[in-house]
Amino acid sequence: MQIPKAIQDGVRDGRVTLAFRRWDLPRVRVGGTQLTPVGLVRFDTVDRVDDPAVLTEDDATAAGIKDLAELQRRLEPRDEAAPRSPRGSAGGAHIYRIGLSLAGEDPRVALRQKIPRGAALAELQRAVAALDAGKRTGPWTQQILLWIRDNPGVVSTELAALLQRELLPMKADIRKLKALGLTESLTVGYRLSPRGESYLRRL
């Protein structure tokens, strides 16, 4: 489920507690979570709205939308010939009301500070080896980690050009390293976390 940045911020601040989507079937489940830049967003409720006329101004406000008219406009059935909504709210046969709350901080933030030793280091090494093994072109993790260590805050397009790789697949690979707590994103570019620096020193 796509959650725009403004809505993420609203969930974090407690101003946004609802989202509305048009889906054929629910794409999230009650109690599920989604990792976002502001932390873990939890899906507290998922209810089908059979009659859009029951929606209120309070619903719009709780969803971070300026008024009921705008909410209803966004939820109008999509013309199949029209471009798909970037927020995914207009496609599908049914309207769903999703209750949102912040479940906690991004677990990767704390992980970045954990220096791996002993069994934890062995587990991390296995995880990184699995990433290398999964790439048909061969091992790639150390090359990227070394470049990020030596070039913190450098725009990712430069890294892609250096490695002669397409930008989006390369950024997806860096997100895999981020999930292991080895890197962190900056406003521009990346840097190694303390965990990543420690890991590299042990190679």
Protein backbone atom coordinates (compact mmCIF):
# COMPACT_ATOMS: atom_id res chain seq x y z
CA MET A 1 0.00 0.00 0.00
CA GLN A 2 1.45 3.33 -1.04
CA ILE A 3 1.50 5.89 1.77
CA PRO A 4 2.54 9.38 0.60
CA LYS A 5 5.14 11.28 2.62
CA ALA A 6 2.62 13.85 3.91
CA ILE A 7 0.39 11.04 5.19
CA GLN A 8 3.34 9.29 6.82
CA ASP A 9 4.14 12.50 8.68
CA GLY A 10 0.51 12.84 9.71
CA VAL A 11 0.44 9.30 11.10
CA ARG A 12 3.62 9.99 13.05
CA ASP A 13 2.12 13.18 14.50
CA GLY A 14 -1.25 11.56 15.21
CA ARG A 15 -3.11 13.88 12.82
CA VAL A 16 -3.87 11.12 10.29
CA THR A 17 -5.63 8.00 11.49
CA LEU A 18 -7.45 6.83 8.35
CA ALA A 19 -6.77 6.00 4.73
CA PHE A 20 -9.26 5.20 1.99
CA ARG A 21 -8.58 3.00 -1.01
CA ARG A 22 -10.51 1.45 -3.89
CA TRP A 23 -9.52 -2.21 -4.16
CA ASP A 24 -11.17 -5.36 -5.45
CA LEU A 25 -9.99 -7.11 -2.27
CA PRO A 26 -8.16 -5.78 0.81
CA ARG A 27 -4.43 -5.46 0.20
CA VAL A 28 -3.55 -5.10 3.88
CA ARG A 29 -4.70 -7.05 6.93
CA VAL A 30 -5.68 -5.96 10.43
CA GLY A 31 -2.62 -5.96 12.66
CA GLY A 32 -0.22 -5.86 9.74
CA THR A 33 2.52 -3.23 9.53
CA GLN A 34 4.39 -1.40 6.81
CA LEU A 35 7.87 0.00 7.14
CA THR A 36 8.07 3.68 6.16
CA PRO A 37 10.70 6.39 6.65
CA VAL A 38 8.84 7.64 9.76
CA GLY A 39 8.60 4.19 11.36
CA LEU A 40 6.26 1.21 11.36
CA VAL A 41 2.71 2.09 10.30
CA ARG A 42 0.14 -0.38 11.65
CA PHE A 43 -3.19 -1.23 10.01
CA ASP A 44 -5.61 -1.24 12.94
CA THR A 45 -8.85 -1.76 11.02
CA VAL A 46 -9.83 -2.65 7.47
CA ASP A 47 -13.52 -2.11 6.72
CA ARG A 48 -15.43 -2.07 3.45
CA VAL A 49 -17.56 1.01 2.82
CA ASP A 50 -20.55 -0.10 0.78
CA ASP A 51 -22.13 3.34 0.50
CA PRO A 52 -19.83 6.36 -0.10
CA ALA A 53 -22.67 8.61 1.11
CA VAL A 54 -21.89 7.59 4.71
CA LEU A 55 -18.46 9.25 4.56
CA THR A 56 -18.13 12.48 6.52
CA GLU A 57 -16.01 15.57 6.79
CA ASP A 58 -14.39 13.97 9.85
CA ASP A 59 -13.37 11.03 7.68
CA ALA A 60 -11.70 13.39 5.24
CA THR A 61 -9.88 15.25 8.02
CA ALA A 62 -8.72 11.99 9.62
CA ALA A 63 -7.34 10.92 6.23
CA GLY A 64 -5.38 14.16 5.78
CA ILE A 65 -7.64 15.34 2.97
CA LYS A 66 -8.90 18.92 2.87
CA ASP A 67 -12.63 18.17 2.71
CA LEU A 68 -15.29 15.54 2.01
CA ALA A 69 -15.75 16.62 -1.59
CA GLU A 70 -12.09 15.96 -2.32
CA LEU A 71 -12.22 12.58 -0.58
CA GLN A 72 -15.26 11.55 -2.62
CA ARG A 73 -13.62 12.76 -5.81
CA ARG A 74 -10.59 10.60 -5.14
CA LEU A 75 -12.78 7.58 -4.50
CA GLU A 76 -14.85 7.84 -7.66
CA PRO A 77 -14.66 4.65 -9.78
CA ARG A 78 -11.78 4.85 -12.18
CA ASP A 79 -12.32 4.85 -15.92
CA GLU A 80 -10.42 1.79 -17.16
CA ALA A 81 -9.08 3.88 -20.04
CA ALA A 82 -7.68 6.52 -17.70
CA PRO A 83 -4.17 6.41 -16.21
CA ARG A 84 -3.98 4.62 -12.87
CA SER A 85 -3.91 6.85 -9.81
CA PRO A 86 -0.38 7.18 -8.37
CA ARG A 87 -1.84 6.64 -4.91
CA GLY A 88 -3.71 3.54 -5.95
CA SER A 89 -6.94 4.91 -4.47
CA ALA A 90 -9.16 4.95 -7.55
CA GLY A 91 -8.85 1.40 -8.89
CA GLY A 92 -10.98 -1.51 -7.73
CA ALA A 93 -14.63 -2.31 -7.14
CA HIS A 94 -14.90 -1.51 -3.43
CA ILE A 95 -13.98 1.30 -1.05
CA TYR A 96 -12.02 0.34 2.06
CA ARG A 97 -11.50 2.42 5.21
CA ILE A 98 -8.13 1.59 6.81
CA GLY A 99 -7.32 2.66 10.36
CA LEU A 100 -3.71 3.76 10.76
CA SER A 101 -1.40 4.28 13.72
CA LEU A 102 2.33 4.41 14.39
CA ALA A 103 3.46 1.04 15.77
CA GLY A 104 7.01 2.07 16.61
CA GLU A 105 10.29 3.33 15.30
CA ASP A 106 12.03 1.90 12.26
CA PRO A 107 13.83 -1.17 13.69
CA ARG A 108 16.73 -0.55 11.32
CA VAL A 109 17.61 2.62 13.23
CA ALA A 110 18.54 0.69 16.39
CA LEU A 111 20.12 -2.09 14.33
CA ARG A 112 22.60 0.37 12.81
CA GLN A 113 24.17 0.90 16.22
CA LYS A 114 24.56 -2.81 17.04
CA ILE A 115 28.14 -3.96 16.49
CA PRO A 116 27.97 -7.62 15.40
CA ARG A 117 30.08 -10.07 17.37
CA GLY A 118 30.13 -13.81 17.80
CA ALA A 119 26.95 -15.50 16.67
CA ALA A 120 25.46 -12.18 15.55
CA LEU A 121 28.44 -11.57 13.27
CA ALA A 122 28.21 -15.07 11.83
CA GLU A 123 24.51 -14.54 11.14
CA LEU A 124 25.20 -11.22 9.43
CA GLN A 125 27.95 -12.77 7.31
CA ARG A 126 25.55 -15.49 6.18
CA ALA A 127 22.93 -12.88 5.29
CA VAL A 128 25.41 -10.86 3.23
CA ALA A 129 26.73 -14.01 1.55
CA ALA A 130 23.15 -14.85 0.56
CA LEU A 131 22.81 -11.44 -1.09
CA ASP A 132 26.02 -12.05 -3.05
CA ALA A 133 24.92 -15.54 -4.05
CA GLY A 134 21.59 -14.24 -5.30
CA LYS A 135 23.17 -11.99 -7.91
CA ARG A 136 23.84 -13.68 -11.27
CA THR A 137 26.70 -11.27 -11.96
CA GLY A 138 28.55 -12.36 -8.81
CA PRO A 139 29.42 -10.82 -5.43
CA TRP A 140 28.55 -7.13 -5.16
CA THR A 141 28.05 -6.19 -1.51
CA GLN A 142 31.65 -5.42 -0.58
CA GLN A 143 32.19 -3.22 -3.63
CA ILE A 144 29.19 -1.06 -2.80
CA LEU A 145 29.97 -0.90 0.93
CA LEU A 146 33.55 0.21 0.20
CA TRP A 147 32.36 2.91 -2.19
CA ILE A 148 29.82 4.23 0.29
CA ARG A 149 32.45 4.23 3.04
CA ASP A 150 34.83 6.27 0.89
CA ASN A 151 32.16 8.53 -0.64
CA PRO A 152 29.53 9.39 1.98
CA GLY A 153 26.81 11.75 0.84
CA VAL A 154 27.61 11.39 -2.87
CA VAL A 155 24.61 11.25 -5.17
CA SER A 156 23.60 7.73 -6.16
CA THR A 157 23.76 8.47 -9.88
CA GLU A 158 27.55 8.77 -9.55
CA LEU A 159 27.74 5.36 -7.92
CA ALA A 160 25.58 3.85 -10.65
CA ALA A 161 27.82 5.37 -13.33
CA LEU A 162 30.97 4.13 -11.58
CA LEU A 163 29.63 0.58 -11.29
CA GLN A 164 28.07 0.74 -14.77
CA ARG A 165 24.73 -0.28 -13.32
CA GLU A 166 21.17 0.89 -13.79
CA LEU A 167 20.18 3.30 -11.05
CA LEU A 168 16.95 1.75 -9.73
CA PRO A 169 18.21 -1.86 -9.41
CA MET A 170 21.34 -0.56 -7.69
CA LYS A 171 19.28 1.45 -5.20
CA ALA A 172 17.20 -1.66 -4.54
CA ASP A 173 20.43 -3.50 -3.67
CA ILE A 174 21.46 -0.72 -1.30
CA ARG A 175 18.07 -1.01 0.43
CA LYS A 176 18.90 -4.68 1.08
CA LEU A 177 22.08 -3.59 2.85
CA LYS A 178 20.07 -0.98 4.73
CA ALA A 179 17.69 -3.70 5.91
CA LEU A 180 20.69 -5.42 7.50
CA GLY A 181 21.59 -2.20 9.30
CA LEU A 182 24.79 -1.66 7.30
CA THR A 183 23.94 1.60 5.54
CA GLU A 184 21.70 4.60 6.05
CA SER A 185 20.26 7.08 3.60
CA LEU A 186 21.14 10.75 3.73
CA THR A 187 19.37 13.66 2.09
CA VAL A 188 21.79 13.03 -0.74
CA GLY A 189 23.54 9.70 -1.03
CA TYR A 190 24.37 7.24 1.72
CA ARG A 191 26.83 6.49 4.49
CA LEU A 192 27.84 3.42 6.45
CA SER A 193 26.31 2.92 9.85
CA PRO A 194 28.53 2.01 12.83
CA ARG A 195 27.42 -1.58 12.21
CA GLY A 196 28.47 -1.33 8.57
CA GLU A 197 31.85 0.17 9.44
CA SER A 198 32.50 -2.62 11.95
CA TYR A 199 31.46 -5.26 9.43
CA LEU A 200 33.82 -3.90 6.79
CA ARG A 201 36.76 -3.81 9.19
CA ARG A 202 36.28 -7.52 9.83
CA LEU A 203 36.38 -8.49 6.16
